C-alpha cells in the first residue's frame, strides 16, 4: 500500500509543493532586500519523467533554482504579482494532494477496521 507508484507520486508532489510554498514565502519576505534573487522550485517534470519511464517516483527530489528574471535597480527580482499567483496555485495543488493522500489513508483505515 505505501510503496505503490501513485502513493509515492502523491508524497513527492506534496513535498515539492511544500518546498515551493516555503520558497514563495521567502521570496515575499525578501521583496525589498537589495540583491535578493527569487527562488523557484521545480519537480513536476522530473516526477512526470519518472512516472512515464516506469521508475519509482520516490527518488524525485524538488530542486530549488535561482530565478534569472531581470532585476530592479537594487538587484532584487521578486515580482509580487507572480508570487501571489504562484501562492494561490500552489496552495490549491497542495490541498488537492493532501486530500488524495487522505483518501488513501481512509482506505487503509477501513481495511484495518474490516468494514
PDB file of N, CA and C in Angstrom:
ATOM      1  N   UNK A   1       0.826  -1.200   0.000  1.00  0.00           N
ATOM      2  CA  UNK A   1       0.000   0.000   0.000  1.00  0.00           C
ATOM      3  C   UNK A   1       0.865   1.258   0.000  1.00  0.00           C
ATOM      4  N   UNK A   2       1.942   1.288   0.814  1.00  0.00           N
ATOM      5  CA  UNK A   2       2.732   2.504   0.933  1.00  0.00           C
ATOM      6  C   UNK A   2       3.894   2.571  -0.040  1.00  0.00           C
ATOM      7  N   UNK A   3       4.083   1.541  -0.850  1.00  0.00           N
ATOM      8  CA  UNK A   3       5.188   1.601  -1.797  1.00  0.00           C
ATOM      9  C   UNK A   3       4.701   1.578  -3.245  1.00  0.00           C
ATOM     10  N   UNK A   4       3.402   1.757  -3.453  1.00  0.00           N
ATOM     11  CA  UNK A   4       2.931   1.778  -4.834  1.00  0.00           C
ATOM     12  C   UNK A   4       3.228   3.137  -5.472  1.00  0.00           C
ATOM     13  N   UNK A   5       3.195   3.162  -6.770  1.00  0.00           N
ATOM     14  CA  UNK A   5       3.620   4.350  -7.522  1.00  0.00           C
ATOM     15  C   UNK A   5       2.728   5.568  -7.278  1.00  0.00           C
ATOM     16  N   UNK A   6       1.427   5.367  -7.197  1.00  0.00           N
ATOM     17  CA  UNK A   6       0.553   6.531  -7.014  1.00  0.00           C
ATOM     18  C   UNK A   6       0.747   7.157  -5.635  1.00  0.00           C
ATOM     19  N   UNK A   7       0.910   6.331  -4.611  1.00  0.00           N
ATOM     20  CA  UNK A   7       1.161   6.863  -3.270  1.00  0.00           C
ATOM     21  C   UNK A   7       2.488   7.610  -3.253  1.00  0.00           C
ATOM     22  N   UNK A   8       3.518   7.032  -3.848  1.00  0.00           N
ATOM     23  CA  UNK A   8       4.825   7.693  -3.899  1.00  0.00           C
ATOM     24  C   UNK A   8       4.747   9.007  -4.663  1.00  0.00           C
ATOM     25  N   UNK A   9       4.017   9.019  -5.764  1.00  0.00           N
ATOM     26  CA  UNK A   9       3.877  10.242  -6.556  1.00  0.00           C
ATOM     27  C   UNK A   9       3.157  11.323  -5.750  1.00  0.00           C
ATOM     28  N   UNK A  10       2.132  10.956  -5.005  1.00  0.00           N
ATOM     29  CA  UNK A  10       1.421  11.923  -4.176  1.00  0.00           C
ATOM     30  C   UNK A  10       2.324  12.488  -3.082  1.00  0.00           C
ATOM     31  N   UNK A  11       3.128  11.629  -2.482  1.00  0.00           N
ATOM     32  CA  UNK A  11       4.066  12.094  -1.438  1.00  0.00           C
ATOM     33  C   UNK A  11       5.086  13.066  -2.015  1.00  0.00           C
ATOM     34  N   UNK A  12       5.639  12.725  -3.175  1.00  0.00           N
ATOM     35  CA  UNK A  12       6.617  13.605  -3.832  1.00  0.00           C
ATOM     36  C   UNK A  12       5.965  14.935  -4.192  1.00  0.00           C
ATOM     37  N   UNK A  13       4.741  14.888  -4.715  1.00  0.00           N
ATOM     38  CA  UNK A  13       4.037  16.119  -5.073  1.00  0.00           C
ATOM     39  C   UNK A  13       3.801  16.989  -3.840  1.00  0.00           C
ATOM     40  N   UNK A  14       3.340  16.393  -2.756  1.00  0.00           N
ATOM     41  CA  UNK A  14       3.103  17.164  -1.534  1.00  0.00           C
ATOM     42  C   UNK A  14       4.397  17.776  -1.013  1.00  0.00           C
ATOM     43  N   UNK A  15       5.466  17.017  -1.059  1.00  0.00           N
ATOM     44  CA  UNK A  15       6.764  17.517  -0.608  1.00  0.00           C
ATOM     45  C   UNK A  15       7.263  18.662  -1.491  1.00  0.00           C
ATOM     46  N   UNK A  16       7.143  18.499  -2.795  1.00  0.00           N
ATOM     47  CA  UNK A  16       7.568  19.540  -3.726  1.00  0.00           C
ATOM     48  C   UNK A  16       6.745  20.800  -3.578  1.00  0.00           C
ATOM     49  N   UNK A  17       5.448  20.639  -3.394  1.00  0.00           N
ATOM     50  CA  UNK A  17       4.574  21.803  -3.239  1.00  0.00           C
ATOM     51  C   UNK A  17       4.835  22.511  -1.913  1.00  0.00           C
ATOM     52  N   UNK A  18       5.149  21.757  -0.869  1.00  0.00           N
ATOM     53  CA  UNK A  18       5.503  22.378   0.411  1.00  0.00           C
ATOM     54  C   UNK A  18       6.800  23.171   0.267  1.00  0.00           C
ATOM     55  N   UNK A  19       7.769  22.618  -0.453  1.00  0.00           N
ATOM     56  CA  UNK A  19       9.025  23.342  -0.695  1.00  0.00           C
ATOM     57  C   UNK A  19       8.767  24.610  -1.494  1.00  0.00           C
ATOM     58  N   UNK A  20       7.852  24.540  -2.445  1.00  0.00           N
ATOM     59  CA  UNK A  20       7.512  25.722  -3.238  1.00  0.00           C
ATOM     60  C   UNK A  20       6.855  26.787  -2.358  1.00  0.00           C
ATOM     61  N   UNK A  21       5.978  26.365  -1.451  1.00  0.00           N
ATOM     62  CA  UNK A  21       5.344  27.330  -0.546  1.00  0.00           C
ATOM     63  C   UNK A  21       6.397  28.043   0.306  1.00  0.00           C
ATOM     64  N   UNK A  22       7.396  27.308   0.768  1.00  0.00           N
ATOM     65  CA  UNK A  22       8.474  27.904   1.552  1.00  0.00           C
ATOM     66  C   UNK A  22       9.255  28.914   0.719  1.00  0.00           C
ATOM     67  N   UNK A  23       9.556  28.550  -0.520  1.00  0.00           N
ATOM     68  CA  UNK A  23      10.287  29.460  -1.410  1.00  0.00           C
ATOM     69  C   UNK A  23       9.485  30.725  -1.679  1.00  0.00           C
ATOM     70  N   UNK A  24       8.189  30.576  -1.899  1.00  0.00           N
ATOM     71  CA  UNK A  24       7.327  31.740  -2.144  1.00  0.00           C
ATOM     72  C   UNK A  24       7.321  32.650  -0.921  1.00  0.00           C
ATOM     73  N   UNK A  25       7.184  32.061   0.269  1.00  0.00           N
ATOM     74  CA  UNK A  25       7.181  32.860   1.496  1.00  0.00           C
ATOM     75  C   UNK A  25       8.503  33.612   1.656  1.00  0.00           C
ATOM     76  N   UNK A  26       9.607  32.939   1.367  1.00  0.00           N
ATOM     77  CA  UNK A  26      10.916  33.596   1.454  1.00  0.00           C
ATOM     78  C   UNK A  26      11.038  34.709   0.417  1.00  0.00           C
ATOM     79  N   UNK A  27      10.542  34.459  -0.776  1.00  0.00           N
ATOM     80  CA  UNK A  27      10.593  35.483  -1.825  1.00  0.00           C
ATOM     81  C   UNK A  27       9.823  36.733  -1.399  1.00  0.00           C
ATOM     82  N   UNK A  28       8.613  36.536  -0.897  1.00  0.00           N
ATOM     83  CA  UNK A  28       7.793  37.678  -0.482  1.00  0.00           C
ATOM     84  C   UNK A  28       8.435  38.397   0.703  1.00  0.00           C
ATOM     85  N   UNK A  29       8.981  37.633   1.639  1.00  0.00           N
ATOM     86  CA  UNK A  29       9.626  38.241   2.806  1.00  0.00           C
ATOM     87  C   UNK A  29      10.837  39.084   2.412  1.00  0.00           C
ATOM     88  N   UNK A  30      11.464  38.749   1.303  1.00  0.00           N
ATOM     89  CA  UNK A  30      12.664  39.454   0.862  1.00  0.00           C
ATOM     90  C   UNK A  30      12.418  40.397  -0.311  1.00  0.00           C
ATOM     91  N   UNK A  31      11.182  40.806  -0.504  1.00  0.00           N
ATOM     92  CA  UNK A  31      10.838  41.614  -1.671  1.00  0.00           C
ATOM     93  C   UNK A  31      11.590  42.955  -1.710  1.00  0.00           C
ATOM     94  N   UNK A  32      11.992  43.462  -0.572  1.00  0.00           N
ATOM     95  CA  UNK A  32      12.715  44.740  -0.521  1.00  0.00           C
ATOM     96  C   UNK A  32      14.201  44.557  -0.203  1.00  0.00           C
ATOM     97  N   UNK A  33      14.680  43.325  -0.153  1.00  0.00           N
ATOM     98  CA  UNK A  33      16.083  43.070   0.164  1.00  0.00           C
ATOM     99  C   UNK A  33      16.938  43.296  -1.081  1.00  0.00           C
ATOM    100  N   UNK A  34      17.849  44.260  -1.024  1.00  0.00           N
ATOM    101  CA  UNK A  34      18.707  44.513  -2.184  1.00  0.00           C
ATOM    102  C   UNK A  34      19.542  43.274  -2.547  1.00  0.00           C
ATOM    103  N   UNK A  35      19.577  42.972  -3.835  1.00  0.00           N
ATOM    104  CA  UNK A  35      20.377  41.854  -4.326  1.00  0.00           C
ATOM    105  C   UNK A  35      19.735  40.486  -4.182  1.00  0.00           C
ATOM    106  N   UNK A  36      18.566  40.408  -3.550  1.00  0.00           N
ATOM    107  CA  UNK A  36      17.913  39.101  -3.385  1.00  0.00           C
ATOM    108  C   UNK A  36      17.369  38.630  -4.719  1.00  0.00           C
ATOM    109  N   UNK A  37      17.625  37.374  -5.035  1.00  0.00           N
ATOM    110  CA  UNK A  37      17.121  36.755  -6.259  1.00  0.00           C
ATOM    111  C   UNK A  37      16.052  35.729  -5.871  1.00  0.00           C
ATOM    112  N   UNK A  38      14.907  35.821  -6.521  1.00  0.00           N
ATOM    113  CA  UNK A  38      13.787  34.926  -6.230  1.00  0.00           C
ATOM    114  C   UNK A  38      14.182  33.465  -6.443  1.00  0.00           C
ATOM    115  N   UNK A  39      13.617  32.586  -5.633  1.00  0.00           N
ATOM    116  CA  UNK A  39      13.837  31.147  -5.738  1.00  0.00           C
ATOM    117  C   UNK A  39      12.611  30.508  -6.384  1.00  0.00           C
ATOM    118  N   UNK A  40      12.863  29.518  -7.211  1.00  0.00           N
ATOM    119  CA  UNK A  40      11.798  28.761  -7.866  1.00  0.00           C
ATOM    120  C   UNK A  40      12.026  27.279  -7.573  1.00  0.00           C
ATOM    121  N   UNK A  41      10.957  26.555  -7.301  1.00  0.00           N
ATOM    122  CA  UNK A  41      11.048  25.123  -7.010  1.00  0.00           C
ATOM    123  C   UNK A  41      10.468  24.349  -8.184  1.00  0.00           C
ATOM    124  N   UNK A  42      11.241  23.406  -8.687  1.00  0.00           N
ATOM    125  CA  UNK A  42      10.827  22.571  -9.817  1.00  0.00           C
ATOM    126  C   UNK A  42      10.849  21.103  -9.401  1.00  0.00           C
ATOM    127  N   UNK A  43       9.819  20.378  -9.765  1.00  0.00           N
ATOM    128  CA  UNK A  43       9.801  18.936  -9.534  1.00  0.00           C
ATOM    129  C   UNK A  43       8.840  18.221 -10.474  1.00  0.00           C
ATOM    130  N   UNK A  44       7.896  18.955 -11.059  1.00  0.00           N
ATOM    131  CA  UNK A  44       6.856  18.313 -11.866  1.00  0.00           C
ATOM    132  C   UNK A  44       7.415  17.557 -13.063  1.00  0.00           C
ATOM    133  N   UNK A  45       8.376  18.142 -13.762  1.00  0.00           N
ATOM    134  CA  UNK A  45       8.925  17.470 -14.945  1.00  0.00           C
ATOM    135  C   UNK A  45       9.650  16.185 -14.565  1.00  0.00           C
ATOM    136  N   UNK A  46      10.416  16.234 -13.479  1.00  0.00           N
ATOM    137  CA  UNK A  46      11.131  15.034 -13.030  1.00  0.00           C
ATOM    138  C   UNK A  46      10.149  13.958 -12.576  1.00  0.00           C
ATOM    139  N   UNK A  47       9.084  14.360 -11.903  1.00  0.00           N
ATOM    140  CA  UNK A  47       8.068  13.415 -11.453  1.00  0.00           C
ATOM    141  C   UNK A  47       7.355  12.785 -12.648  1.00  0.00           C
ATOM    142  N   UNK A  48       6.986  13.599 -13.610  1.00  0.00           N
ATOM    143  CA  UNK A  48       6.339  13.076 -14.820  1.00  0.00           C
ATOM    144  C   UNK A  48       7.272  12.131 -15.568  1.00  0.00           C
ATOM    145  N   UNK A  49       8.539  12.508 -15.668  1.00  0.00           N
ATOM    146  CA  UNK A  49       9.512  11.651 -16.350  1.00  0.00           C
ATOM    147  C   UNK A  49       9.650  10.305 -15.674  1.00  0.00           C
ATOM    148  N   UNK A  50       9.703  10.307 -14.353  1.00  0.00           N
ATOM    149  CA  UNK A  50       9.811   9.047 -13.608  1.00  0.00           C
ATOM    150  C   UNK A  50       8.574   8.184 -13.841  1.00  0.00           C
ATOM    151  N   UNK A  51       7.408   8.806 -13.791  1.00  0.00           N
ATOM    152  CA  UNK A  51       6.177   8.045 -13.989  1.00  0.00           C
ATOM    153  C   UNK A  51       6.092   7.506 -15.422  1.00  0.00           C
ATOM    154  N   UNK A  52       6.455   8.329 -16.408  1.00  0.00           N
ATOM    155  CA  UNK A  52       6.400   7.906 -17.807  1.00  0.00           C
ATOM    156  C   UNK A  52       7.376   6.777 -18.109  1.00  0.00           C
ATOM    157  N   UNK A  53       8.517   6.769 -17.421  1.00  0.00           N
ATOM    158  CA  UNK A  53       9.544   5.758 -17.675  1.00  0.00           C
ATOM    159  C   UNK A  53       9.403   4.522 -16.797  1.00  0.00           C
ATOM    160  N   UNK A  54       8.338   4.465 -16.004  1.00  0.00           N
ATOM    161  CA  UNK A  54       8.108   3.307 -15.158  1.00  0.00           C
ATOM    162  C   UNK A  54       9.037   3.239 -13.952  1.00  0.00           C
ATOM    163  N   UNK A  55       9.691   4.353 -13.640  1.00  0.00           N
ATOM    164  CA  UNK A  55      10.597   4.399 -12.495  1.00  0.00           C
ATOM    165  C   UNK A  55       9.821   4.758 -11.230  1.00  0.00           C
ATOM    166  N   UNK A  56      10.436   4.485 -10.101  1.00  0.00           N
ATOM    167  CA  UNK A  56       9.814   4.851  -8.831  1.00  0.00           C
ATOM    168  C   UNK A  56       9.880   6.359  -8.652  1.00  0.00           C
ATOM    169  N   UNK A  57       8.751   6.999  -8.396  1.00  0.00           N
ATOM    170  CA  UNK A  57       8.769   8.438  -8.193  1.00  0.00           C
ATOM    171  C   UNK A  57       9.390   8.844  -6.858  1.00  0.00           C
ATOM    172  N   UNK A  58       9.601   7.890  -5.959  1.00  0.00           N
ATOM    173  CA  UNK A  58      10.120   8.231  -4.638  1.00  0.00           C
ATOM    174  C   UNK A  58      11.525   8.821  -4.687  1.00  0.00           C
ATOM    175  N   UNK A  59      12.246   8.611  -5.784  1.00  0.00           N
ATOM    176  CA  UNK A  59      13.583   9.170  -5.920  1.00  0.00           C
ATOM    177  C   UNK A  59      13.611  10.607  -6.410  1.00  0.00           C
ATOM    178  N   UNK A  60      12.456  11.147  -6.760  1.00  0.00           N
ATOM    179  CA  UNK A  60      12.392  12.521  -7.277  1.00  0.00           C
ATOM    180  C   UNK A  60      12.438  13.493  -6.107  1.00  0.00           C
ATOM    181  N   UNK A  61      13.355  14.425  -6.187  1.00  0.00           N
ATOM    182  CA  UNK A  61      13.503  15.460  -5.162  1.00  0.00           C
ATOM    183  C   UNK A  61      13.277  16.825  -5.801  1.00  0.00           C
ATOM    184  N   UNK A  62      12.612  17.732  -5.093  1.00  0.00           N
ATOM    185  CA  UNK A  62      12.436  19.073  -5.649  1.00  0.00           C
ATOM    186  C   UNK A  62      13.774  19.794  -5.754  1.00  0.00           C
ATOM    187  N   UNK A  63      13.936  20.562  -6.807  1.00  0.00           N
ATOM    188  CA  UNK A  63      15.160  21.347  -6.952  1.00  0.00           C
ATOM    189  C   UNK A  63      14.807  22.824  -6.806  1.00  0.00           C
ATOM    190  N   UNK A  64      15.643  23.535  -6.062  1.00  0.00           N
ATOM    191  CA  UNK A  64      15.445  24.959  -5.835  1.00  0.00           C
ATOM    192  C   UNK A  64      16.426  25.706  -6.720  1.00  0.00           C
ATOM    193  N   UNK A  65      15.867  26.508  -7.616  1.00  0.00           N
ATOM    194  CA  UNK A  65      16.673  27.260  -8.564  1.00  0.00           C
ATOM    195  C   UNK A  65      16.542  28.755  -8.294  1.00  0.00           C
ATOM    196  N   UNK A  66      17.553  29.484  -8.678  1.00  0.00           N
ATOM    197  CA  UNK A  66      17.503  30.940  -8.572  1.00  0.00           C
ATOM    198  C   UNK A  66      16.938  31.502  -9.867  1.00  0.00           C
ATOM    199  N   UNK A  67      15.955  32.381  -9.733  1.00  0.00           N
ATOM    200  CA  UNK A  67      15.308  32.975 -10.895  1.00  0.00           C
ATOM    201  C   UNK A  67      16.292  33.819 -11.685  1.00  0.00           C
ATOM    202  N   UNK A  68      16.198  33.722 -12.992  1.00  0.00           N
ATOM    203  CA  UNK A  68      17.038  34.519 -13.883  1.00  0.00           C
ATOM    204  C   UNK A  68      16.287  35.716 -14.455  1.00  0.00           C
ATOM    205  N   UNK A  69      15.122  36.004 -13.892  1.00  0.00           N
ATOM    206  CA  UNK A  69      14.336  37.140 -14.349  1.00  0.00           C
ATOM    207  C   UNK A  69      15.139  38.433 -14.165  1.00  0.00           C
ATOM    208  N   UNK A  70      14.858  39.443 -14.978  1.00  0.00           N
ATOM    209  CA  UNK A  70      15.562  40.724 -14.827  1.00  0.00           C
ATOM    210  C   UNK A  70      15.346  41.317 -13.431  1.00  0.00           C
ATOM    211  N   UNK A  71      16.325  42.065 -12.984  1.00  0.00           N
ATOM    212  CA  UNK A  71      16.254  42.654 -11.647  1.00  0.00           C
ATOM    213  C   UNK A  71      15.884  44.135 -11.720  1.00  0.00           C
ATOM    214  N   UNK A  72      15.432  44.628 -10.574  1.00  0.00           N
ATOM    215  CA  UNK A  72      15.209  46.071 -10.438  1.00  0.00           C
ATOM    216  C   UNK A  72      16.556  46.732 -10.161  1.00  0.00           C
ATOM    217  N   UNK A  73      16.565  48.016  -9.988  1.00  0.00           N
ATOM    218  CA  UNK A  73      17.812  48.757  -9.772  1.00  0.00           C
ATOM    219  C   UNK A  73      18.592  48.268  -8.551  1.00  0.00           C
ATOM    220  N   UNK A  74      17.880  47.762  -7.530  1.00  0.00           N
ATOM    221  CA  UNK A  74      18.562  47.291  -6.321  1.00  0.00           C
ATOM    222  C   UNK A  74      19.037  45.836  -6.432  1.00  0.00           C
ATOM    223  N   UNK A  75      18.886  45.234  -7.605  1.00  0.00           N
ATOM    224  CA  UNK A  75      19.340  43.863  -7.821  1.00  0.00           C
ATOM    225  C   UNK A  75      18.345  42.796  -7.410  1.00  0.00           C
ATOM    226  N   UNK A  76      17.177  43.181  -6.935  1.00  0.00           N
ATOM    227  CA  UNK A  76      16.144  42.244  -6.495  1.00  0.00           C
ATOM    228  C   UNK A  76      15.230  41.940  -7.675  1.00  0.00           C
ATOM    229  N   UNK A  77      14.809  40.680  -7.825  1.00  0.00           N
ATOM    230  CA  UNK A  77      13.924  40.341  -8.942  1.00  0.00           C
ATOM    231  C   UNK A  77      12.620  39.672  -8.511  1.00  0.00           C
ATOM    232  N   UNK A  78      12.201  39.876  -7.264  1.00  0.00           N
ATOM    233  CA  UNK A  78      10.938  39.311  -6.793  1.00  0.00           C
ATOM    234  C   UNK A  78       9.787  40.111  -7.388  1.00  0.00           C
ATOM    235  N   UNK A  79       8.849  39.405  -8.011  1.00  0.00           N
ATOM    236  CA  UNK A  79       7.664  40.019  -8.606  1.00  0.00           C
ATOM    237  C   UNK A  79       6.465  39.619  -7.742  1.00  0.00           C
ATOM    238  N   UNK A  80       5.904  40.577  -7.015  1.00  0.00           N
ATOM    239  CA  UNK A  80       4.825  40.275  -6.075  1.00  0.00           C
ATOM    240  C   UNK A  80       3.604  39.677  -6.772  1.00  0.00           C
ATOM    241  N   UNK A  81       3.248  40.169  -7.947  1.00  0.00           N
ATOM    242  CA  UNK A  81       2.101  39.616  -8.669  1.00  0.00           C
ATOM    243  C   UNK A  81       2.330  38.140  -9.003  1.00  0.00           C
ATOM    244  N   UNK A  82       3.516  37.843  -9.512  1.00  0.00           N
ATOM    245  CA  UNK A  82       3.846  36.456  -9.864  1.00  0.00           C
ATOM    246  C   UNK A  82       3.858  35.562  -8.622  1.00  0.00           C
ATOM    247  N   UNK A  83       4.414  36.052  -7.541  1.00  0.00           N
ATOM    248  CA  UNK A  83       4.478  35.266  -6.305  1.00  0.00           C
ATOM    249  C   UNK A  83       3.086  35.017  -5.731  1.00  0.00           C
ATOM    250  N   UNK A  84       2.221  36.021  -5.821  1.00  0.00           N
ATOM    251  CA  UNK A  84       0.862  35.871  -5.312  1.00  0.00           C
ATOM    252  C   UNK A  84       0.091  34.824  -6.114  1.00  0.00           C
ATOM    253  N   UNK A  85       0.187  34.891  -7.431  1.00  0.00           N
ATOM    254  CA  UNK A  85      -0.488  33.884  -8.272  1.00  0.00           C
ATOM    255  C   UNK A  85       0.080  32.491  -8.027  1.00  0.00           C
ATOM    256  N   UNK A  86       1.387  32.401  -7.904  1.00  0.00           N
ATOM    257  CA  UNK A  86       2.021  31.113  -7.640  1.00  0.00           C
ATOM    258  C   UNK A  86       1.585  30.558  -6.288  1.00  0.00           C
ATOM    259  N   UNK A  87       1.434  31.443  -5.319  1.00  0.00           N
ATOM    260  CA  UNK A  87       0.979  31.011  -3.988  1.00  0.00           C
ATOM    261  C   UNK A  87      -0.424  30.414  -4.055  1.00  0.00           C
ATOM    262  N   UNK A  88      -1.326  31.096  -4.752  1.00  0.00           N
ATOM    263  CA  UNK A  88      -2.703  30.601  -4.870  1.00  0.00           C
ATOM    264  C   UNK A  88      -2.717  29.251  -5.585  1.00  0.00           C
ATOM    265  N   UNK A  89      -2.008  29.148  -6.704  1.00  0.00           N
ATOM    266  CA  UNK A  89      -1.947  27.902  -7.465  1.00  0.00           C
ATOM    267  C   UNK A  89      -1.350  26.770  -6.635  1.00  0.00           C
ATOM    268  N   UNK A  90      -0.257  27.058  -5.964  1.00  0.00           N
ATOM    269  CA  UNK A  90       0.424  26.036  -5.170  1.00  0.00           C
ATOM    270  C   UNK A  90      -0.436  25.589  -3.995  1.00  0.00           C
ATOM    271  N   UNK A  91      -1.111  26.521  -3.363  1.00  0.00           N
ATOM    272  CA  UNK A  91      -1.992  26.182  -2.238  1.00  0.00           C
ATOM    273  C   UNK A  91      -3.107  25.247  -2.682  1.00  0.00           C
ATOM    274  N   UNK A  92      -3.697  25.536  -3.834  1.00  0.00           N
ATOM    275  CA  UNK A  92      -4.772  24.677  -4.345  1.00  0.00           C
ATOM    276  C   UNK A  92      -4.238  23.286  -4.682  1.00  0.00           C
ATOM    277  N   UNK A  93      -3.079  23.211  -5.325  1.00  0.00           N
ATOM    278  CA  UNK A  93      -2.500  21.916  -5.673  1.00  0.00           C
ATOM    279  C   UNK A  93      -2.118  21.123  -4.426  1.00  0.00           C
ATOM    280  N   UNK A  94      -1.555  21.813  -3.429  1.00  0.00           N
ATOM    281  CA  UNK A  94      -1.159  21.160  -2.191  1.00  0.00           C
ATOM    282  C   UNK A  94      -2.386  20.590  -1.472  1.00  0.00           C
ATOM    283  N   UNK A  95      -3.451  21.378  -1.428  1.00  0.00           N
ATOM    284  CA  UNK A  95      -4.694  20.925  -0.810  1.00  0.00           C
ATOM    285  C   UNK A  95      -5.238  19.683  -1.518  1.00  0.00           C
ATOM    286  N   UNK A  96      -5.188  19.687  -2.835  1.00  0.00           N
ATOM    287  CA  UNK A  96      -5.644  18.535  -3.609  1.00  0.00           C
ATOM    288  C   UNK A  96      -4.790  17.295  -3.329  1.00  0.00           C
ATOM    289  N   UNK A  97      -3.476  17.473  -3.264  1.00  0.00           N
ATOM    290  CA  UNK A  97      -2.580  16.343  -2.974  1.00  0.00           C
ATOM    291  C   UNK A  97      -2.866  15.782  -1.586  1.00  0.00           C
ATOM    292  N   UNK A  98      -3.079  16.660  -0.610  1.00  0.00           N
ATOM    293  CA  UNK A  98      -3.377  16.188   0.748  1.00  0.00           C
ATOM    294  C   UNK A  98      -4.710  15.466   0.808  1.00  0.00           C
ATOM    295  N   UNK A  99      -5.691  15.951   0.066  1.00  0.00           N
ATOM    296  CA  UNK A  99      -6.986  15.263   0.038  1.00  0.00           C
ATOM    297  C   UNK A  99      -6.847  13.875  -0.587  1.00  0.00           C
ATOM    298  N   UNK A 100      -6.037  13.766  -1.633  1.00  0.00           N
ATOM    299  CA  UNK A 100      -5.823  12.462  -2.259  1.00  0.00           C
ATOM    300  C   UNK A 100      -5.098  11.515  -1.294  1.00  0.00           C
ATOM    301  N   UNK A 101      -4.106  12.039  -0.582  1.00  0.00           N
ATOM    302  CA  UNK A 101      -3.408  11.210   0.407  1.00  0.00           C
ATOM    303  C   UNK A 101      -4.353  10.791   1.528  1.00  0.00           C
ATOM    304  N   UNK A 102      -5.199  11.708   1.951  1.00  0.00           N
ATOM    305  CA  UNK A 102      -6.170  11.384   2.990  1.00  0.00           C
ATOM    306  C   UNK A 102      -7.113  10.277   2.523  1.00  0.00           C
ATOM    307  N   UNK A 103      -7.483  10.325   1.249  1.00  0.00           N
ATOM    308  CA  UNK A 103      -8.325   9.268   0.700  1.00  0.00           C
ATOM    309  C   UNK A 103      -7.631   7.915   0.757  1.00  0.00           C
ATOM    310  N   UNK A 104      -6.326   7.915   0.475  1.00  0.00           N
ATOM    311  CA  UNK A 104      -5.557   6.663   0.561  1.00  0.00           C
ATOM    312  C   UNK A 104      -5.526   6.139   1.996  1.00  0.00           C
ATOM    313  N   UNK A 105      -5.327   7.052   2.943  1.00  0.00           N
ATOM    314  CA  UNK A 105      -5.299   6.644   4.354  1.00  0.00           C
ATOM    315  C   UNK A 105      -6.673   6.167   4.820  1.00  0.00           C
ATOM    316  N   UNK A 106      -7.721   6.773   4.283  1.00  0.00           N
ATOM    317  CA  UNK A 106      -9.074   6.342   4.636  1.00  0.00           C
ATOM    318  C   UNK A 106      -9.316   4.907   4.199  1.00  0.00           C
ATOM    319  N   UNK A 107      -8.827   4.573   3.013  1.00  0.00           N
ATOM    320  CA  UNK A 107      -8.950   3.188   2.542  1.00  0.00           C
ATOM    321  C   UNK A 107      -8.220   2.229   3.476  1.00  0.00           C
ATOM    322  N   UNK A 108      -7.048   2.623   3.897  1.00  0.00           N
ATOM    323  CA  UNK A 108      -6.269   1.786   4.812  1.00  0.00           C
ATOM    324  C   UNK A 108      -6.978   1.630   6.156  1.00  0.00           C
ATOM    325  N   UNK A 109      -7.534   2.731   6.673  1.00  0.00           N
ATOM    326  CA  UNK A 109      -8.269   2.657   7.946  1.00  0.00           C
ATOM    327  C   UNK A 109      -9.457   1.699   7.833  1.00  0.00           C
ATOM    328  N   UNK A 110     -10.184   1.792   6.720  1.00  0.00           N
ATOM    329  CA  UNK A 110     -11.327   0.903   6.518  1.00  0.00           C
ATOM    330  C   UNK A 110     -10.892  -0.554   6.416  1.00  0.00           C
ATOM    331  N   UNK A 111      -9.765  -0.788   5.749  1.00  0.00           N
ATOM    332  CA  UNK A 111      -9.276  -2.166   5.619  1.00  0.00           C
ATOM    333  C   UNK A 111      -8.857  -2.725   6.968  1.00  0.00           C
ATOM    334  N   UNK A 112      -8.273  -1.887   7.809  1.00  0.00           N
ATOM    335  CA  UNK A 112      -7.854  -2.334   9.141  1.00  0.00           C
ATOM    336  C   UNK A 112      -9.066  -2.631  10.018  1.00  0.00           C
ATOM    337  N   UNK A 113     -10.096  -1.790   9.899  1.00  0.00           N
ATOM    338  CA  UNK A 113     -11.318  -1.990  10.678  1.00  0.00           C
ATOM    339  C   UNK A 113     -12.053  -3.257  10.241  1.00  0.00           C
ATOM    340  N   UNK A 114     -11.870  -3.614   8.963  1.00  0.00           N
ATOM    341  CA  UNK A 114     -12.562  -4.772   8.423  1.00  0.00           C
ATOM    342  C   UNK A 114     -13.975  -4.463   7.987  1.00  0.00           C
ATOM    343  N   UNK A 115     -14.225  -3.185   7.736  1.00  0.00           N
ATOM    344  CA  UNK A 115     -15.579  -2.773   7.350  1.00  0.00           C
ATOM    345  C   UNK A 115     -15.833  -3.007   5.893  1.00  0.00           C
TER     346      UNK A 115
END
